[in-house]
Amino acid sequence: MELANQRAIEALVKPQNALKTGTIDLHGLYLKEAMAEVVTFLDHHLENKAYKEIIIITGAGHHSKKHDQPVIRPAVEKHLQQKHIAFKEISNRGALLVTVPNGKKDLTKV
């Protein structure tokens, strides 16, 4: 199962090139894998400060085991709060816009 989950990351997340685009989509991942990708994504963007804001697409939770009770979004929000990273919900509760202190470029102008 671990191997299958790793293959899912390689198939779903790696092609997004999230470290360059400033947007990561976590659809199709389990919580453990999603959080590992979020940590890598955040660490990279908070250190490099290429963008003023970055986007984490968590989905609204419609495909979770308990339909309409998201698992990934609350975990990502908790992580951001614990790290004192500012964010707001966008896209009808399916994505988070995260502020990168001292970021350089607007995400939309890339």
PDB file of N, CA and C in Angstrom:
ATOM      1  N   MET A   1       0.822  -1.184   0.000  1.00  0.00           N
ATOM      2  CA  MET A   1       0.000   0.000   0.000  1.00  0.00           C
ATOM      3  C   MET A   1       0.876   1.262   0.000  1.00  0.00           C
ATOM      4  N   GLU A   2       1.974   1.237   0.756  1.00  0.00           N
ATOM      5  CA  GLU A   2       2.893   2.385   0.788  1.00  0.00           C
ATOM      6  C   GLU A   2       3.426   2.670  -0.614  1.00  0.00           C
ATOM      7  N   LEU A   3       3.759   1.632  -1.332  1.00  0.00           N
ATOM      8  CA  LEU A   3       4.267   1.787  -2.693  1.00  0.00           C
ATOM      9  C   LEU A   3       3.193   2.391  -3.600  1.00  0.00           C
ATOM     10  N   ALA A   4       1.970   1.927  -3.447  1.00  0.00           N
ATOM     11  CA  ALA A   4       0.868   2.473  -4.245  1.00  0.00           C
ATOM     12  C   ALA A   4       0.643   3.947  -3.922  1.00  0.00           C
ATOM     13  N   ASN A   5       0.731   4.304  -2.661  1.00  0.00           N
ATOM     14  CA  ASN A   5       0.567   5.705  -2.273  1.00  0.00           C
ATOM     15  C   ASN A   5       1.693   6.564  -2.832  1.00  0.00           C
ATOM     16  N   GLN A   6       2.908   6.048  -2.839  1.00  0.00           N
ATOM     17  CA  GLN A   6       4.041   6.780  -3.411  1.00  0.00           C
ATOM     18  C   GLN A   6       3.855   6.964  -4.911  1.00  0.00           C
ATOM     19  N   ARG A   7       3.337   5.951  -5.560  1.00  0.00           N
ATOM     20  CA  ARG A   7       3.068   6.062  -7.006  1.00  0.00           C
ATOM     21  C   ARG A   7       1.985   7.108  -7.269  1.00  0.00           C
ATOM     22  N   ALA A   8       1.010   7.195  -6.368  1.00  0.00           N
ATOM     23  CA  ALA A   8      -0.043   8.207  -6.512  1.00  0.00           C
ATOM     24  C   ALA A   8       0.561   9.605  -6.432  1.00  0.00           C
ATOM     25  N   ILE A   9       1.486   9.798  -5.502  1.00  0.00           N
ATOM     26  CA  ILE A   9       2.158  11.098  -5.386  1.00  0.00           C
ATOM     27  C   ILE A   9       2.900  11.418  -6.672  1.00  0.00           C
ATOM     28  N   GLU A  10       3.638  10.440  -7.183  1.00  0.00           N
ATOM     29  CA  GLU A  10       4.401  10.655  -8.410  1.00  0.00           C
ATOM     30  C   GLU A  10       3.489  10.943  -9.601  1.00  0.00           C
ATOM     31  N   ALA A  11       2.332  10.303  -9.628  1.00  0.00           N
ATOM     32  CA  ALA A  11       1.418  10.495 -10.751  1.00  0.00           C
ATOM     33  C   ALA A  11       0.578  11.762 -10.625  1.00  0.00           C
ATOM     34  N   LEU A  12       0.184  12.115  -9.399  1.00  0.00           N
ATOM     35  CA  LEU A  12      -0.739  13.227  -9.201  1.00  0.00           C
ATOM     36  C   LEU A  12      -0.061  14.555  -8.861  1.00  0.00           C
ATOM     37  N   VAL A  13       0.972  14.516  -8.052  1.00  0.00           N
ATOM     38  CA  VAL A  13       1.556  15.758  -7.546  1.00  0.00           C
ATOM     39  C   VAL A  13       2.792  16.188  -8.325  1.00  0.00           C
ATOM     40  N   LYS A  14       3.687  15.299  -8.575  1.00  0.00           N
ATOM     41  CA  LYS A  14       4.952  15.682  -9.218  1.00  0.00           C
ATOM     42  C   LYS A  14       4.749  16.381 -10.565  1.00  0.00           C
ATOM     43  N   PRO A  15       3.836  15.926 -11.436  1.00  0.00           N
ATOM     44  CA  PRO A  15       3.657  16.617 -12.716  1.00  0.00           C
ATOM     45  C   PRO A  15       3.144  18.061 -12.579  1.00  0.00           C
ATOM     46  N   GLN A  16       2.593  18.405 -11.421  1.00  0.00           N
ATOM     47  CA  GLN A  16       2.079  19.762 -11.208  1.00  0.00           C
ATOM     48  C   GLN A  16       3.201  20.796 -11.143  1.00  0.00           C
ATOM     49  N   ASN A  17       4.412  20.340 -10.812  1.00  0.00           N
ATOM     50  CA  ASN A  17       5.555  21.239 -10.703  1.00  0.00           C
ATOM     51  C   ASN A  17       5.257  22.367  -9.712  1.00  0.00           C
ATOM     52  N   ALA A  18       4.684  22.000  -8.576  1.00  0.00           N
ATOM     53  CA  ALA A  18       4.194  22.945  -7.577  1.00  0.00           C
ATOM     54  C   ALA A  18       5.270  23.855  -7.014  1.00  0.00           C
ATOM     55  N   LEU A  19       6.496  23.407  -7.004  1.00  0.00           N
ATOM     56  CA  LEU A  19       7.559  24.243  -6.472  1.00  0.00           C
ATOM     57  C   LEU A  19       7.852  25.424  -7.394  1.00  0.00           C
ATOM     58  N   LYS A  20       7.511  25.294  -8.666  1.00  0.00           N
ATOM     59  CA  LYS A  20       7.705  26.406  -9.607  1.00  0.00           C
ATOM     60  C   LYS A  20       6.420  27.197  -9.832  1.00  0.00           C
ATOM     61  N   THR A  21       5.277  26.531  -9.777  1.00  0.00           N
ATOM     62  CA  THR A  21       4.021  27.200 -10.113  1.00  0.00           C
ATOM     63  C   THR A  21       3.385  27.923  -8.930  1.00  0.00           C
ATOM     64  N   GLY A  22       3.686  27.497  -7.707  1.00  0.00           N
ATOM     65  CA  GLY A  22       3.079  28.123  -6.539  1.00  0.00           C
ATOM     66  C   GLY A  22       1.693  27.601  -6.214  1.00  0.00           C
ATOM     67  N   THR A  23       1.289  26.536  -6.867  1.00  0.00           N
ATOM     68  CA  THR A  23      -0.023  25.920  -6.611  1.00  0.00           C
ATOM     69  C   THR A  23       0.160  24.410  -6.506  1.00  0.00           C
ATOM     70  N   ILE A  24      -0.458  23.835  -5.474  1.00  0.00           N
ATOM     71  CA  ILE A  24      -0.423  22.382  -5.316  1.00  0.00           C
ATOM     72  C   ILE A  24      -1.855  21.876  -5.147  1.00  0.00           C
ATOM     73  N   ASP A  25      -2.175  20.798  -5.839  1.00  0.00           N
ATOM     74  CA  ASP A  25      -3.494  20.178  -5.778  1.00  0.00           C
ATOM     75  C   ASP A  25      -3.345  18.819  -5.100  1.00  0.00           C
ATOM     76  N   LEU A  26      -4.042  18.652  -3.987  1.00  0.00           N
ATOM     77  CA  LEU A  26      -3.903  17.441  -3.179  1.00  0.00           C
ATOM     78  C   LEU A  26      -4.987  16.398  -3.462  1.00  0.00           C
ATOM     79  N   HIS A  27      -5.830  16.641  -4.449  1.00  0.00           N
ATOM     80  CA  HIS A  27      -6.883  15.676  -4.787  1.00  0.00           C
ATOM     81  C   HIS A  27      -6.274  14.306  -5.067  1.00  0.00           C
ATOM     82  N   GLY A  28      -6.891  13.287  -4.532  1.00  0.00           N
ATOM     83  CA  GLY A  28      -6.467  11.915  -4.784  1.00  0.00           C
ATOM     84  C   GLY A  28      -5.456  11.368  -3.795  1.00  0.00           C
ATOM     85  N   LEU A  29      -4.998  12.200  -2.842  1.00  0.00           N
ATOM     86  CA  LEU A  29      -4.017  11.743  -1.859  1.00  0.00           C
ATOM     87  C   LEU A  29      -4.679  11.449  -0.520  1.00  0.00           C
ATOM     88  N   TYR A  30      -4.074  10.551   0.217  1.00  0.00           N
ATOM     89  CA  TYR A  30      -4.484  10.305   1.594  1.00  0.00           C
ATOM     90  C   TYR A  30      -3.829  11.351   2.480  1.00  0.00           C
ATOM     91  N   LEU A  31      -4.328  11.483   3.695  1.00  0.00           N
ATOM     92  CA  LEU A  31      -3.878  12.527   4.606  1.00  0.00           C
ATOM     93  C   LEU A  31      -2.370  12.521   4.826  1.00  0.00           C
ATOM     94  N   LYS A  32      -1.794  11.374   5.101  1.00  0.00           N
ATOM     95  CA  LYS A  32      -0.356  11.292   5.386  1.00  0.00           C
ATOM     96  C   LYS A  32       0.470  11.822   4.217  1.00  0.00           C
ATOM     97  N   GLU A  33       0.153  11.377   3.020  1.00  0.00           N
ATOM     98  CA  GLU A  33       0.900  11.789   1.838  1.00  0.00           C
ATOM     99  C   GLU A  33       0.638  13.268   1.528  1.00  0.00           C
ATOM    100  N   ALA A  34      -0.596  13.699   1.685  1.00  0.00           N
ATOM    101  CA  ALA A  34      -0.940  15.097   1.419  1.00  0.00           C
ATOM    102  C   ALA A  34      -0.169  16.022   2.350  1.00  0.00           C
ATOM    103  N   MET A  35      -0.101  15.692   3.628  1.00  0.00           N
ATOM    104  CA  MET A  35       0.592  16.552   4.582  1.00  0.00           C
ATOM    105  C   MET A  35       2.099  16.581   4.316  1.00  0.00           C
ATOM    106  N   ALA A  36       2.666  15.471   3.920  1.00  0.00           N
ATOM    107  CA  ALA A  36       4.095  15.456   3.583  1.00  0.00           C
ATOM    108  C   ALA A  36       4.363  16.382   2.401  1.00  0.00           C
ATOM    109  N   GLU A  37       3.488  16.365   1.412  1.00  0.00           N
ATOM    110  CA  GLU A  37       3.649  17.236   0.249  1.00  0.00           C
ATOM    111  C   GLU A  37       3.438  18.697   0.627  1.00  0.00           C
ATOM    112  N   VAL A  38       2.490  18.972   1.511  1.00  0.00           N
ATOM    113  CA  VAL A  38       2.232  20.345   1.961  1.00  0.00           C
ATOM    114  C   VAL A  38       3.452  20.899   2.686  1.00  0.00           C
ATOM    115  N   VAL A  39       4.046  20.111   3.562  1.00  0.00           N
ATOM    116  CA  VAL A  39       5.225  20.571   4.306  1.00  0.00           C
ATOM    117  C   VAL A  39       6.363  20.919   3.341  1.00  0.00           C
ATOM    118  N   THR A  40       6.621  20.057   2.383  1.00  0.00           N
ATOM    119  CA  THR A  40       7.670  20.311   1.389  1.00  0.00           C
ATOM    120  C   THR A  40       7.359  21.578   0.589  1.00  0.00           C
ATOM    121  N   PHE A  41       6.121  21.693   0.137  1.00  0.00           N
ATOM    122  CA  PHE A  41       5.657  22.834  -0.645  1.00  0.00           C
ATOM    123  C   PHE A  41       5.805  24.142   0.144  1.00  0.00           C
ATOM    124  N   LEU A  42       5.312  24.145   1.377  1.00  0.00           N
ATOM    125  CA  LEU A  42       5.397  25.349   2.213  1.00  0.00           C
ATOM    126  C   LEU A  42       6.844  25.724   2.519  1.00  0.00           C
ATOM    127  N   ASP A  43       7.621  24.751   2.943  1.00  0.00           N
ATOM    128  CA  ASP A  43       9.026  25.022   3.268  1.00  0.00           C
ATOM    129  C   ASP A  43       9.740  25.677   2.087  1.00  0.00           C
ATOM    130  N   HIS A  44       9.520  25.135   0.906  1.00  0.00           N
ATOM    131  CA  HIS A  44      10.161  25.672  -0.289  1.00  0.00           C
ATOM    132  C   HIS A  44       9.741  27.126  -0.533  1.00  0.00           C
ATOM    133  N   HIS A  45       8.443  27.371  -0.545  1.00  0.00           N
ATOM    134  CA  HIS A  45       7.957  28.703  -0.894  1.00  0.00           C
ATOM    135  C   HIS A  45       8.209  29.738   0.200  1.00  0.00           C
ATOM    136  N   LEU A  46       8.171  29.333   1.451  1.00  0.00           N
ATOM    137  CA  LEU A  46       8.452  30.279   2.525  1.00  0.00           C
ATOM    138  C   LEU A  46       9.935  30.651   2.559  1.00  0.00           C
ATOM    139  N   GLU A  47      10.774  29.745   2.115  1.00  0.00           N
ATOM    140  CA  GLU A  47      12.209  30.018   2.073  1.00  0.00           C
ATOM    141  C   GLU A  47      12.590  30.850   0.844  1.00  0.00           C
ATOM    142  N   ASN A  48      12.039  30.484  -0.316  1.00  0.00           N
ATOM    143  CA  ASN A  48      12.434  31.135  -1.570  1.00  0.00           C
ATOM    144  C   ASN A  48      11.706  32.448  -1.846  1.00  0.00           C
ATOM    145  N   LYS A  49      10.526  32.604  -1.312  1.00  0.00           N
ATOM    146  CA  LYS A  49       9.764  33.855  -1.418  1.00  0.00           C
ATOM    147  C   LYS A  49       9.564  34.350  -2.854  1.00  0.00           C
ATOM    148  N   ALA A  50       9.396  33.435  -3.780  1.00  0.00           N
ATOM    149  CA  ALA A  50       9.192  33.829  -5.174  1.00  0.00           C
ATOM    150  C   ALA A  50       7.824  34.493  -5.372  1.00  0.00           C
ATOM    151  N   TYR A  51       6.822  34.062  -4.608  1.00  0.00           N
ATOM    152  CA  TYR A  51       5.463  34.566  -4.757  1.00  0.00           C
ATOM    153  C   TYR A  51       4.970  35.207  -3.468  1.00  0.00           C
ATOM    154  N   LYS A  52       4.064  36.179  -3.630  1.00  0.00           N
ATOM    155  CA  LYS A  52       3.434  36.818  -2.472  1.00  0.00           C
ATOM    156  C   LYS A  52       2.414  35.898  -1.825  1.00  0.00           C
ATOM    157  N   GLU A  53       1.769  35.087  -2.651  1.00  0.00           N
ATOM    158  CA  GLU A  53       0.761  34.141  -2.174  1.00  0.00           C
ATOM    159  C   GLU A  53       0.909  32.844  -2.959  1.00  0.00           C
ATOM    160  N   ILE A  54       0.574  31.750  -2.302  1.00  0.00           N
ATOM    161  CA  ILE A  54       0.579  30.435  -2.950  1.00  0.00           C
ATOM    162  C   ILE A  54      -0.774  29.782  -2.682  1.00  0.00           C
ATOM    163  N   ILE A  55      -1.085  28.771  -3.451  1.00  0.00           N
ATOM    164  CA  ILE A  55      -2.402  28.132  -3.345  1.00  0.00           C
ATOM    165  C   ILE A  55      -2.241  26.649  -3.019  1.00  0.00           C
ATOM    166  N   ILE A  56      -3.015  26.212  -2.029  1.00  0.00           N
ATOM    167  CA  ILE A  56      -3.097  24.798  -1.686  1.00  0.00           C
ATOM    168  C   ILE A  56      -4.530  24.361  -1.953  1.00  0.00           C
ATOM    169  N   ILE A  57      -4.705  23.499  -2.938  1.00  0.00           N
ATOM    170  CA  ILE A  57      -6.040  22.988  -3.276  1.00  0.00           C
ATOM    171  C   ILE A  57      -6.248  21.698  -2.499  1.00  0.00           C
ATOM    172  N   THR A  58      -7.189  21.746  -1.579  1.00  0.00           N
ATOM    173  CA  THR A  58      -7.456  20.584  -0.730  1.00  0.00           C
ATOM    174  C   THR A  58      -8.704  19.842  -1.163  1.00  0.00           C
ATOM    175  N   GLY A  59      -9.572  20.510  -1.877  1.00  0.00           N
ATOM    176  CA  GLY A  59     -10.882  19.962  -2.175  1.00  0.00           C
ATOM    177  C   GLY A  59     -11.806  20.243  -1.000  1.00  0.00           C
ATOM    178  N   ALA A  60     -13.076  20.025  -1.193  1.00  0.00           N
ATOM    179  CA  ALA A  60     -14.069  20.322  -0.158  1.00  0.00           C
ATOM    180  C   ALA A  60     -14.416  19.109   0.694  1.00  0.00           C
ATOM    181  N   GLY A  61     -13.855  17.962   0.370  1.00  0.00           N
ATOM    182  CA  GLY A  61     -14.101  16.766   1.173  1.00  0.00           C
ATOM    183  C   GLY A  61     -15.213  15.880   0.665  1.00  0.00           C
ATOM    184  N   HIS A  62     -15.718  16.146  -0.523  1.00  0.00           N
ATOM    185  CA  HIS A  62     -16.830  15.359  -1.063  1.00  0.00           C
ATOM    186  C   HIS A  62     -16.469  13.898  -1.311  1.00  0.00           C
ATOM    187  N   HIS A  63     -15.189  13.610  -1.463  1.00  0.00           N
ATOM    188  CA  HIS A  63     -14.772  12.239  -1.754  1.00  0.00           C
ATOM    189  C   HIS A  63     -14.151  11.549  -0.539  1.00  0.00           C
ATOM    190  N   SER A  64     -14.247  12.184   0.626  1.00  0.00           N
ATOM    191  CA  SER A  64     -13.720  11.553   1.831  1.00  0.00           C
ATOM    192  C   SER A  64     -14.673  10.444   2.271  1.00  0.00           C
ATOM    193  N   LYS A  65     -14.216   9.605   3.175  1.00  0.00           N
ATOM    194  CA  LYS A  65     -15.028   8.476   3.629  1.00  0.00           C
ATOM    195  C   LYS A  65     -16.344   8.944   4.231  1.00  0.00           C
ATOM    196  N   LYS A  66     -16.308  10.043   4.961  1.00  0.00           N
ATOM    197  CA  LYS A  66     -17.522  10.638   5.530  1.00  0.00           C
ATOM    198  C   LYS A  66     -17.866  11.833   4.656  1.00  0.00           C
ATOM    199  N   HIS A  67     -18.570  11.590   3.571  1.00  0.00           N
ATOM    200  CA  HIS A  67     -18.865  12.611   2.554  1.00  0.00           C
ATOM    201  C   HIS A  67     -19.165  13.961   3.196  1.00  0.00           C
ATOM    202  N   ASP A  68     -18.605  14.990   2.610  1.00  0.00           N
ATOM    203  CA  ASP A  68     -18.766  16.379   3.042  1.00  0.00           C
ATOM    204  C   ASP A  68     -18.127  16.673   4.387  1.00  0.00           C
ATOM    205  N   GLN A  69     -17.310  15.768   4.895  1.00  0.00           N
ATOM    206  CA  GLN A  69     -16.524  16.037   6.097  1.00  0.00           C
ATOM    207  C   GLN A  69     -15.061  15.909   5.709  1.00  0.00           C
ATOM    208  N   PRO A  70     -14.476  17.013   5.297  1.00  0.00           N
ATOM    209  CA  PRO A  70     -13.108  16.963   4.801  1.00  0.00           C
ATOM    210  C   PRO A  70     -12.112  16.508   5.859  1.00  0.00           C
ATOM    211  N   VAL A  71     -11.056  15.888   5.405  1.00  0.00           N
ATOM    212  CA  VAL A  71      -9.987  15.416   6.285  1.00  0.00           C
ATOM    213  C   VAL A  71      -8.718  16.229   6.038  1.00  0.00           C
ATOM    214  N   ILE A  72      -8.400  16.440   4.792  1.00  0.00           N
ATOM    215  CA  ILE A  72      -7.145  17.107   4.449  1.00  0.00           C
ATOM    216  C   ILE A  72      -7.188  18.596   4.780  1.00  0.00           C
ATOM    217  N   ARG A  73      -8.253  19.289   4.389  1.00  0.00           N
ATOM    218  CA  ARG A  73      -8.307  20.737   4.617  1.00  0.00           C
ATOM    219  C   ARG A  73      -8.140  21.107   6.091  1.00  0.00           C
ATOM    220  N   PRO A  74      -8.859  20.472   7.019  1.00  0.00           N
ATOM    221  CA  PRO A  74      -8.651  20.834   8.425  1.00  0.00           C
ATOM    222  C   PRO A  74      -7.221  20.575   8.908  1.00  0.00           C
ATOM    223  N   ALA A  75      -6.606  19.530   8.415  1.00  0.00           N
ATOM    224  CA  ALA A  75      -5.226  19.224   8.814  1.00  0.00           C
ATOM    225  C   ALA A  75      -4.264  20.289   8.277  1.00  0.00           C
ATOM    226  N   VAL A  76      -4.483  20.724   7.038  1.00  0.00           N
ATOM    227  CA  VAL A  76      -3.638  21.768   6.447  1.00  0.00           C
ATOM    228  C   VAL A  76      -3.855  23.079   7.207  1.00  0.00           C
ATOM    229  N   GLU A  77      -5.104  23.419   7.489  1.00  0.00           N
ATOM    230  CA  GLU A  77      -5.400  24.642   8.237  1.00  0.00           C
ATOM    231  C   GLU A  77      -4.734  24.618   9.613  1.00  0.00           C
ATOM    232  N   LYS A  78      -4.818  23.502  10.285  1.00  0.00           N
ATOM    233  CA  LYS A  78      -4.197  23.373  11.612  1.00  0.00           C
ATOM    234  C   LYS A  78      -2.683  23.568  11.516  1.00  0.00           C
ATOM    235  N   HIS A  79      -2.079  22.969  10.511  1.00  0.00           N
ATOM    236  CA  HIS A  79      -0.634  23.111  10.308  1.00  0.00           C
ATOM    237  C   HIS A  79      -0.266  24.578  10.077  1.00  0.00           C
ATOM    238  N   LEU A  80      -1.022  25.256   9.229  1.00  0.00           N
ATOM    239  CA  LEU A  80      -0.759  26.664   8.953  1.00  0.00           C
ATOM    240  C   LEU A  80      -0.919  27.517  10.213  1.00  0.00           C
ATOM    241  N   GLN A  81      -1.946  27.236  10.983  1.00  0.00           N
ATOM    242  CA  GLN A  81      -2.178  27.976  12.228  1.00  0.00           C
ATOM    243  C   GLN A  81      -1.044  27.749  13.218  1.00  0.00           C
ATOM    244  N   GLN A  82      -0.600  26.512  13.354  1.00  0.00           N
ATOM    245  CA  GLN A  82       0.490  26.198  14.277  1.00  0.00           C
ATOM    246  C   GLN A  82       1.785  26.892  13.881  1.00  0.00           C
ATOM    247  N   LYS A  83       1.975  27.096  12.592  1.00  0.00           N
ATOM    248  CA  LYS A  83       3.182  27.756  12.086  1.00  0.00           C
ATOM    249  C   LYS A  83       2.997  29.276  11.984  1.00  0.00           C
ATOM    250  N   HIS A  84       1.811  29.764  12.355  1.00  0.00           N
ATOM    251  CA  HIS A  84       1.490  31.193  12.296  1.00  0.00           C
ATOM    252  C   HIS A  84       1.630  31.746  10.881  1.00  0.00           C
ATOM    253  N   ILE A  85       1.104  30.984   9.935  1.00  0.00           N
ATOM    254  CA  ILE A  85       1.132  31.369   8.527  1.00  0.00           C
ATOM    255  C   ILE A  85      -0.275  31.832   8.146  1.00  0.00           C
ATOM    256  N   ALA A  86      -0.384  33.047   7.630  1.00  0.00           N
ATOM    257  CA  ALA A  86      -1.677  33.611   7.264  1.00  0.00           C
ATOM    258  C   ALA A  86      -2.233  32.930   6.012  1.00  0.00           C
ATOM    259  N   PHE A  87      -3.554  32.699   6.026  1.00  0.00           N
ATOM    260  CA  PHE A  87      -4.227  32.101   4.879  1.00  0.00           C
ATOM    261  C   PHE A  87      -5.695  32.476   4.914  1.00  0.00           C
ATOM    262  N   LYS A  88      -6.353  32.275   3.777  1.00  0.00           N
ATOM    263  CA  LYS A  88      -7.804  32.436   3.714  1.00  0.00           C
ATOM    264  C   LYS A  88      -8.363  31.411   2.745  1.00  0.00           C
ATOM    265  N   GLU A  89      -9.626  31.083   2.944  1.00  0.00           N
ATOM    266  CA  GLU A  89     -10.276  30.113   2.071  1.00  0.00           C
ATOM    267  C   GLU A  89     -10.682  30.781   0.768  1.00  0.00           C
ATOM    268  N   ILE A  90     -10.529  30.058  -0.318  1.00  0.00           N
ATOM    269  CA  ILE A  90     -10.977  30.523  -1.628  1.00  0.00           C
ATOM    270  C   ILE A  90     -11.643  29.356  -2.341  1.00  0.00           C
ATOM    271  N   SER A  91     -12.219  29.623  -3.463  1.00  0.00           N
ATOM    272  CA  SER A  91     -12.814  28.582  -4.316  1.00  0.00           C
ATOM    273  C   SER A  91     -13.839  27.737  -3.588  1.00  0.00           C
ATOM    274  N   ASN A  92     -14.769  28.405  -2.923  1.00  0.00           N
ATOM    275  CA  ASN A  92     -15.890  27.692  -2.308  1.00  0.00           C
ATOM    276  C   ASN A  92     -15.429  26.613  -1.338  1.00  0.00           C
ATOM    277  N   ARG A  93     -14.455  26.926  -0.508  1.00  0.00           N
ATOM    278  CA  ARG A  93     -13.923  26.064   0.543  1.00  0.00           C
ATOM    279  C   ARG A  93     -13.084  24.905   0.007  1.00  0.00           C
ATOM    280  N   GLY A  94     -12.678  24.970  -1.234  1.00  0.00           N
ATOM    281  CA  GLY A  94     -11.880  23.897  -1.798  1.00  0.00           C
ATOM    282  C   GLY A  94     -10.404  24.208  -1.911  1.00  0.00           C
ATOM    283  N   ALA A  95     -10.024  25.441  -1.541  1.00  0.00           N
ATOM    284  CA  ALA A  95      -8.621  25.828  -1.663  1.00  0.00           C
ATOM    285  C   ALA A  95      -8.276  26.891  -0.628  1.00  0.00           C
ATOM    286  N   LEU A  96      -6.989  26.997  -0.346  1.00  0.00           N
ATOM    287  CA  LEU A  96      -6.488  27.977   0.606  1.00  0.00           C
ATOM    288  C   LEU A  96      -5.461  28.864  -0.085  1.00  0.00           C
ATOM    289  N   LEU A  97      -5.599  30.160   0.112  1.00  0.00           N
ATOM    290  CA  LEU A  97      -4.638  31.126  -0.394  1.00  0.00           C
ATOM    291  C   LEU A  97      -3.731  31.489   0.774  1.00  0.00           C
ATOM    292  N   VAL A  98      -2.461  31.157   0.658  1.00  0.00           N
ATOM    293  CA  VAL A  98      -1.493  31.291   1.744  1.00  0.00           C
ATOM    294  C   VAL A  98      -0.585  32.485   1.464  1.00  0.00           C
ATOM    295  N   THR A  99      -0.435  33.343   2.457  1.00  0.00           N
ATOM    296  CA  THR A  99       0.421  34.520   2.327  1.00  0.00           C
ATOM    297  C   THR A  99       1.871  34.152   2.599  1.00  0.00           C
ATOM    298  N   VAL A 100       2.754  34.562   1.711  1.00  0.00           N
ATOM    299  CA  VAL A 100       4.194  34.340   1.868  1.00  0.00           C
ATOM    300  C   VAL A 100       4.816  35.672   2.289  1.00  0.00           C
ATOM    301  N   PRO A 101       5.236  35.782   3.557  1.00  0.00           N
ATOM    302  CA  PRO A 101       5.839  37.046   3.997  1.00  0.00           C
ATOM    303  C   PRO A 101       7.028  37.433   3.123  1.00  0.00           C
ATOM    304  N   ASN A 102       7.045  38.682   2.684  1.00  0.00           N
ATOM    305  CA  ASN A 102       8.114  39.228   1.851  1.00  0.00           C
ATOM    306  C   ASN A 102       8.223  38.546   0.488  1.00  0.00           C
ATOM    307  N   GLY A 103       7.136  37.944   0.025  1.00  0.00           N
ATOM    308  CA  GLY A 103       7.130  37.325  -1.299  1.00  0.00           C
ATOM    309  C   GLY A 103       7.299  38.381  -2.383  1.00  0.00           C
ATOM    310  N   LYS A 104       7.793  37.964  -3.533  1.00  0.00           N
ATOM    311  CA  LYS A 104       8.177  38.921  -4.585  1.00  0.00           C
ATOM    312  C   LYS A 104       7.114  39.147  -5.661  1.00  0.00           C
ATOM    313  N   LYS A 105       6.603  38.081  -6.265  1.00  0.00           N
ATOM    314  CA  LYS A 105       5.710  38.220  -7.419  1.00  0.00           C
ATOM    315  C   LYS A 105       4.291  37.820  -7.077  1.00  0.00           C
ATOM    316  N   ASP A 106       3.345  38.436  -7.792  1.00  0.00           N
ATOM    317  CA  ASP A 106       1.967  37.980  -7.708  1.00  0.00           C
ATOM    318  C   ASP A 106       1.862  36.663  -8.467  1.00  0.00           C
ATOM    319  N   LEU A 107       1.167  35.736  -7.911  1.00  0.00           N
ATOM    320  CA  LEU A 107       1.004  34.423  -8.528  1.00  0.00           C
ATOM    321  C   LEU A 107       0.326  34.548  -9.903  1.00  0.00           C
ATOM    322  N   THR A 108      -0.607  35.448 -10.023  1.00  0.00           N
ATOM    323  CA  THR A 108      -1.348  35.589 -11.275  1.00  0.00           C
ATOM    324  C   THR A 108      -0.545  36.247 -12.385  1.00  0.00           C
ATOM    325  N   LYS A 109       0.579  36.846 -12.060  1.00  0.00           N
ATOM    326  CA  LYS A 109       1.373  37.556 -13.069  1.00  0.00           C
ATOM    327  C   LYS A 109       2.544  36.739 -13.579  1.00  0.00           C
ATOM    328  N   VAL A 110       2.542  35.452 -13.299  1.00  0.00           N
ATOM    329  CA  VAL A 110       3.660  34.613 -13.717  1.00  0.00           C
ATOM    330  C   VAL A 110       3.363  33.979 -15.051  1.00  0.00           C
TER     331      VAL A 110
END
